[in-house]
Amino acid sequence: MEQGEFALSDREFNRVKARVYKEAGIALSEAKRTLVVSRLGKLIRTLRLNSFDDYLDHLERQGTPADAQDFINALTTNLTRFWREDHHFTHLETYVGQLMQRRPRGENGRPKLRIWSAGCSTGQEPYTIALHLLAAFPELKRWDFRILATDIDTNVVAKAASGTYPETELSGLSPQQMALFERAGGGQVRIPAAARELIAFKPLNLMNNPWPMRGPFDAVFCRNVAIYFDKPTQGELFARLGALIVPDGFLYIGHSENLGAGGGNFKLVGKTIYQARAQQKARDAA
């Protein structure tokens, strides 16, 4: 144990696991024990408490909403990058190209396109969606095109909204992809305003019921989020997502995920790409 770390008993660990499961649906395994000690230990020191029990008692008895959010923020993992699993964006480009050939104008005189990045982390995923589609279809600037980007971690949502990243974030991208960013100086790059303005970043706990958005969405990205949930929670999440996707729209998930019990409204059409079943949705609406 490193100097300054707090000991975490089995009972305390079980209390942490129970709370984060109840609040966020996250199922912590024994392998996350060191992570819990490291991340929550910082909060315990900040609050000048003496143990994990003291900290959990504090949350239950006198903790503020900000304290409760700090607990969740500390135990979420935010690993992401631009154009991660790039086959998803290639597929999305084909899909949107097809929509552009047939989608009618909406009430405001412009065709509508709606995409949700559920579990957006520090913003690389929704910004990739925006940059990729605007580069492929400049005429989307004349559409009613919006991207909703949500995450349970309020810290990463705030960082994402800034639209500024270290240049090192572009490592591994093609020259064409790198050219889509603006240089901000000081080793930083910035997302161009045309892409930033498409995206609404909002904090959202996917375990909340109901969700504040009504949809429907043409596509939903929910990648490497469900891996932190147990099987029943995964099934419930994917079923709820399916209810918000337009008939024949698409759900993109992480490479190590599957829909499980929530896959009834979907059919697998590509590597971790699922299409909403139009006929199933019609029966459900009847």
Protein backbone atom coordinates (compact mmCIF):
# COMPACT_ATOMS: atom_id res chain seq x y z
CA MET A 1 0.00 0.00 0.00
CA GLU A 2 1.35 3.40 -0.95
CA GLN A 3 1.85 5.97 1.75
CA GLY A 4 -1.32 7.93 2.34
CA GLU A 5 -3.69 5.29 0.94
CA PHE A 6 -6.68 4.20 2.97
CA ALA A 7 -7.30 0.52 3.67
CA LEU A 8 -10.41 -0.86 1.97
CA SER A 9 -12.07 -3.76 3.77
CA ASP A 10 -14.27 -6.28 2.01
CA ARG A 11 -17.31 -4.81 3.74
CA GLU A 12 -16.41 -1.28 2.64
CA PHE A 13 -15.78 -2.46 -0.91
CA ASN A 14 -19.20 -4.10 -0.92
CA ARG A 15 -20.75 -0.81 0.24
CA VAL A 16 -19.00 1.04 -2.61
CA LYS A 17 -20.16 -1.57 -5.13
CA ALA A 18 -23.75 -1.42 -3.88
CA ARG A 19 -23.87 2.37 -4.07
CA VAL A 20 -22.37 2.74 -7.55
CA TYR A 21 -24.64 -0.03 -8.86
CA LYS A 22 -27.71 1.64 -7.40
CA GLU A 23 -26.76 5.11 -8.61
CA ALA A 24 -25.26 4.37 -12.03
CA GLY A 25 -25.84 0.71 -12.87
CA ILE A 26 -22.08 0.07 -12.78
CA ALA A 27 -21.10 -3.43 -11.66
CA LEU A 28 -17.63 -3.24 -10.10
CA SER A 29 -15.54 -6.40 -10.16
CA GLU A 30 -12.78 -7.39 -7.74
CA ALA A 31 -10.32 -6.20 -10.38
CA LYS A 32 -11.48 -2.62 -9.75
CA ARG A 33 -10.48 -2.64 -6.09
CA THR A 34 -7.23 -0.74 -6.67
CA LEU A 35 -9.07 1.82 -8.79
CA VAL A 36 -11.56 2.38 -5.95
CA VAL A 37 -8.78 2.90 -3.42
CA SER A 38 -6.93 5.35 -5.66
CA ARG A 39 -9.84 7.45 -6.89
CA LEU A 40 -12.06 7.55 -3.83
CA GLY A 41 -9.03 7.97 -1.57
CA LYS A 42 -8.50 11.42 -3.10
CA LEU A 43 -12.05 12.41 -2.18
CA ILE A 44 -11.65 11.08 1.34
CA ARG A 45 -8.54 13.20 1.82
CA THR A 46 -10.25 16.27 0.37
CA LEU A 47 -13.13 15.87 2.82
CA ARG A 48 -10.66 15.19 5.66
CA LEU A 49 -12.29 11.92 6.56
CA ASN A 50 -10.54 8.88 7.99
CA SER A 51 -11.87 5.82 6.17
CA PHE A 52 -14.10 4.52 3.41
CA ASP A 53 -16.79 3.86 5.99
CA ASP A 54 -16.63 7.49 7.10
CA TYR A 55 -16.86 8.60 3.47
CA LEU A 56 -19.86 6.41 2.66
CA ASP A 57 -21.59 7.50 5.86
CA HIS A 58 -20.97 11.09 4.82
CA LEU A 59 -22.56 10.51 1.42
CA GLU A 60 -25.60 8.85 2.97
CA ARG A 61 -26.20 11.28 5.83
CA GLN A 62 -24.96 14.72 4.89
CA GLY A 63 -23.41 14.60 1.45
CA THR A 64 -24.45 17.24 -1.06
CA PRO A 65 -25.57 16.51 -4.64
CA ALA A 66 -22.08 17.65 -5.68
CA ASP A 67 -20.53 15.04 -3.36
CA ALA A 68 -22.74 12.35 -4.88
CA GLN A 69 -21.71 13.41 -8.39
CA ASP A 70 -18.02 13.41 -7.40
CA PHE A 71 -18.44 9.79 -6.28
CA ILE A 72 -19.85 8.80 -9.68
CA ASN A 73 -17.29 10.85 -11.60
CA ALA A 74 -14.46 9.16 -9.72
CA LEU A 75 -15.62 5.65 -10.59
CA THR A 76 -16.32 6.11 -14.30
CA THR A 77 -13.70 5.35 -16.94
CA ASN A 78 -13.21 7.65 -19.91
CA LEU A 79 -11.06 5.98 -22.55
CA THR A 80 -11.77 7.33 -26.02
CA ARG A 81 -10.16 8.76 -29.16
CA PHE A 82 -11.09 10.35 -32.47
CA TRP A 83 -12.32 7.89 -35.13
CA ARG A 84 -12.27 5.01 -32.66
CA GLU A 85 -13.61 1.88 -34.44
CA ASP A 86 -13.60 3.81 -37.69
CA HIS A 87 -15.76 1.27 -39.55
CA HIS A 88 -18.73 2.72 -37.66
CA PHE A 89 -18.19 6.13 -39.23
CA THR A 90 -17.78 4.61 -42.69
CA HIS A 91 -21.12 2.85 -42.22
CA LEU A 92 -22.74 6.02 -40.84
CA GLU A 93 -21.55 7.97 -43.89
CA THR A 94 -23.21 5.45 -46.23
CA TYR A 95 -26.43 5.51 -44.20
CA VAL A 96 -26.63 9.30 -44.07
CA GLY A 97 -25.88 9.49 -47.79
CA GLN A 98 -28.92 7.28 -48.39
CA LEU A 99 -31.07 9.41 -46.09
CA MET A 100 -30.09 12.51 -47.99
CA GLN A 101 -31.52 11.04 -51.18
CA ARG A 102 -34.97 10.42 -49.72
CA ARG A 103 -35.57 12.41 -46.54
CA PRO A 104 -38.35 15.01 -46.91
CA ARG A 105 -38.19 18.53 -45.57
CA GLY A 106 -39.46 19.06 -42.04
CA GLU A 107 -41.85 21.66 -40.65
CA ASN A 108 -39.09 24.27 -40.73
CA GLY A 109 -38.42 23.62 -44.40
CA ARG A 110 -35.23 21.67 -43.78
CA PRO A 111 -34.69 17.89 -43.64
CA LYS A 112 -33.96 16.65 -40.12
CA LEU A 113 -31.09 14.44 -38.91
CA ARG A 114 -30.69 13.45 -35.27
CA ILE A 115 -27.83 11.41 -33.75
CA TRP A 116 -27.16 10.59 -30.08
CA SER A 117 -23.74 9.87 -28.60
CA ALA A 118 -24.69 8.12 -25.33
CA GLY A 119 -21.59 7.96 -23.16
CA CYS A 120 -19.71 10.69 -25.02
CA SER A 121 -16.80 10.91 -22.55
CA THR A 122 -14.53 13.87 -23.38
CA GLY A 123 -16.22 14.46 -26.73
CA GLN A 124 -14.09 12.69 -29.31
CA GLU A 125 -16.98 10.50 -30.47
CA PRO A 126 -19.60 13.20 -31.18
CA TYR A 127 -16.98 15.50 -32.68
CA THR A 128 -15.85 12.67 -34.97
CA ILE A 129 -19.47 12.19 -36.08
CA ALA A 130 -19.81 15.90 -36.84
CA LEU A 131 -16.43 16.30 -38.57
CA HIS A 132 -16.82 13.12 -40.62
CA LEU A 133 -20.33 13.88 -41.87
CA LEU A 134 -19.67 17.54 -42.62
CA ALA A 135 -16.58 16.60 -44.61
CA ALA A 136 -18.53 13.98 -46.57
CA PHE A 137 -21.68 16.07 -47.02
CA PRO A 138 -21.11 19.85 -46.80
CA GLU A 139 -24.78 20.32 -47.69
CA LEU A 140 -25.68 19.07 -44.19
CA LYS A 141 -24.99 22.63 -43.04
CA ARG A 142 -28.35 23.47 -44.60
CA TRP A 143 -30.11 20.61 -42.79
CA ASP A 144 -31.74 20.60 -39.37
CA PHE A 145 -28.85 18.46 -38.12
CA ARG A 146 -28.18 18.04 -34.40
CA ILE A 147 -26.12 15.69 -32.26
CA LEU A 148 -26.97 15.02 -28.61
CA ALA A 149 -23.92 14.04 -26.54
CA THR A 150 -24.42 12.80 -22.98
CA ASP A 151 -22.36 11.30 -20.20
CA ILE A 152 -22.88 10.60 -16.52
CA ASP A 153 -19.53 12.22 -15.64
CA THR A 154 -20.07 15.97 -15.38
CA ASN A 155 -16.33 16.67 -15.53
CA VAL A 156 -15.88 15.06 -18.95
CA VAL A 157 -19.02 16.73 -20.31
CA ALA A 158 -17.57 20.12 -19.38
CA LYS A 159 -14.23 19.26 -20.98
CA ALA A 160 -15.96 18.03 -24.14
CA ALA A 161 -17.95 21.23 -24.51
CA SER A 162 -14.73 23.27 -24.71
CA GLY A 163 -13.83 21.59 -28.02
CA THR A 164 -10.08 21.96 -27.41
CA TYR A 165 -7.59 19.09 -27.22
CA PRO A 166 -3.83 18.50 -27.12
CA GLU A 167 -2.33 17.97 -30.58
CA THR A 168 -1.24 14.51 -29.39
CA GLU A 169 -4.92 13.48 -29.63
CA LEU A 170 -4.48 13.47 -33.42
CA SER A 171 -1.81 10.78 -33.33
CA GLY A 172 -2.65 7.99 -35.77
CA LEU A 173 -5.15 9.99 -37.80
CA SER A 174 -4.84 10.37 -41.57
CA PRO A 175 -3.67 13.68 -43.05
CA GLN A 176 -7.22 14.23 -44.32
CA GLN A 177 -8.65 13.75 -40.83
CA MET A 178 -6.00 15.95 -39.19
CA ALA A 179 -6.80 18.72 -41.65
CA LEU A 180 -10.34 18.97 -40.22
CA PHE A 181 -9.03 20.49 -36.98
CA GLU A 182 -7.99 24.07 -36.29
CA ARG A 183 -4.63 24.82 -34.67
CA ALA A 184 -5.17 26.75 -31.47
CA GLY A 185 -1.52 27.34 -30.50
CA GLY A 186 0.32 26.09 -27.45
CA GLY A 187 0.20 22.52 -28.69
CA GLN A 188 -3.61 22.56 -28.82
CA VAL A 189 -6.16 21.90 -31.56
CA ARG A 190 -9.75 23.12 -31.71
CA ILE A 191 -12.91 21.71 -33.22
CA PRO A 192 -14.18 24.15 -35.89
CA ALA A 193 -17.28 26.13 -34.99
CA ALA A 194 -19.37 24.48 -37.72
CA ALA A 195 -18.93 21.12 -35.97
CA ARG A 196 -19.13 22.43 -32.39
CA GLU A 197 -22.42 24.18 -33.06
CA LEU A 198 -24.11 20.92 -34.07
CA ILE A 199 -23.61 19.31 -30.66
CA ALA A 200 -25.48 19.74 -27.38
CA PHE A 201 -23.49 18.31 -24.46
CA LYS A 202 -25.62 17.29 -21.49
CA PRO A 203 -25.01 15.29 -18.29
CA LEU A 204 -27.21 12.19 -18.19
CA ASN A 205 -27.36 9.09 -16.04
CA LEU A 206 -28.59 6.31 -18.34
CA MET A 207 -30.19 4.64 -15.33
CA ASN A 208 -32.64 7.54 -14.98
CA ASN A 209 -36.17 6.68 -15.98
CA PRO A 210 -37.63 8.32 -17.94
CA TRP A 211 -34.97 9.99 -20.05
CA PRO A 212 -35.59 13.68 -20.79
CA MET A 213 -35.15 13.31 -24.56
CA ARG A 214 -37.97 11.94 -26.67
CA GLY A 215 -36.19 11.20 -29.93
CA PRO A 216 -36.49 9.68 -32.35
CA PHE A 217 -32.86 9.35 -33.41
CA ASP A 218 -31.62 8.23 -36.79
CA ALA A 219 -28.59 6.67 -35.15
CA VAL A 220 -27.32 6.08 -31.62
CA PHE A 221 -23.73 5.47 -30.59
CA CYS A 222 -23.55 3.68 -27.24
CA ARG A 223 -20.07 2.20 -27.32
CA ASN A 224 -18.10 0.75 -24.44
CA VAL A 225 -20.74 1.85 -21.95
CA ALA A 226 -22.67 -1.36 -21.35
CA ILE A 227 -19.46 -3.26 -20.50
CA TYR A 228 -19.72 -1.68 -17.04
CA PHE A 229 -23.25 -3.03 -16.48
CA ASP A 230 -24.47 -6.49 -15.58
CA LYS A 231 -26.50 -8.51 -18.09
CA PRO A 232 -30.00 -7.48 -16.92
CA THR A 233 -29.02 -3.80 -16.94
CA GLN A 234 -27.48 -4.16 -20.41
CA GLY A 235 -30.64 -5.73 -21.78
CA GLU A 236 -32.82 -2.99 -20.30
CA LEU A 237 -30.55 -0.25 -21.68
CA PHE A 238 -30.47 -1.58 -25.24
CA ALA A 239 -34.23 -2.14 -25.24
CA ARG A 240 -34.79 1.47 -24.18
CA LEU A 241 -32.38 2.72 -26.84
CA GLY A 242 -34.22 0.69 -29.46
CA ALA A 243 -37.45 2.47 -28.58
CA LEU A 244 -35.86 5.82 -29.50
CA ILE A 245 -34.35 4.84 -32.86
CA VAL A 246 -36.30 5.37 -36.08
CA PRO A 247 -37.38 2.24 -38.00
CA ASP A 248 -34.37 0.99 -39.96
CA GLY A 249 -32.06 3.33 -38.00
CA PHE A 250 -28.82 2.10 -36.47
CA LEU A 251 -27.25 1.40 -33.11
CA TYR A 252 -23.45 1.28 -32.84
CA ILE A 253 -21.94 -0.52 -29.82
CA GLY A 254 -18.47 -1.40 -28.57
CA HIS A 255 -16.35 -4.22 -29.97
CA SER A 256 -16.69 -6.34 -26.81
CA GLU A 257 -20.42 -5.80 -26.32
CA ASN A 258 -23.59 -7.54 -27.47
CA LEU A 259 -27.26 -6.68 -27.08
CA GLY A 260 -28.27 -9.76 -25.09
CA ALA A 261 -31.86 -9.60 -23.89
CA GLY A 262 -32.24 -6.11 -25.37
CA GLY A 263 -31.70 -7.25 -28.94
CA GLY A 264 -35.27 -8.17 -29.83
CA ASN A 265 -35.86 -4.97 -31.79
CA PHE A 266 -32.59 -5.18 -33.72
CA LYS A 267 -30.86 -7.22 -36.38
CA LEU A 268 -27.09 -7.48 -36.70
CA VAL A 269 -25.98 -5.97 -40.02
CA GLY A 270 -22.24 -5.49 -39.51
CA LYS A 271 -19.48 -5.67 -36.94
CA THR A 272 -21.15 -4.25 -33.79
CA ILE A 273 -23.72 -2.47 -35.99
CA TYR A 274 -27.41 -3.18 -35.38
CA GLN A 275 -30.43 -2.01 -37.35
CA ALA A 276 -33.77 -1.30 -35.70
CA ARG A 277 -36.49 -3.63 -36.97
CA ALA A 278 -39.24 -1.60 -38.61
CA GLN A 279 -41.84 -4.39 -38.43
CA GLN A 280 -41.23 -4.98 -34.73
CA LYS A 281 -41.64 -1.29 -34.00
CA ALA A 282 -44.88 -1.21 -35.98
CA ARG A 283 -46.29 -4.06 -33.91
CA ASP A 284 -45.21 -2.36 -30.69
CA ALA A 285 -46.96 0.86 -31.73
CA ALA A 286 -50.20 -0.90 -32.63
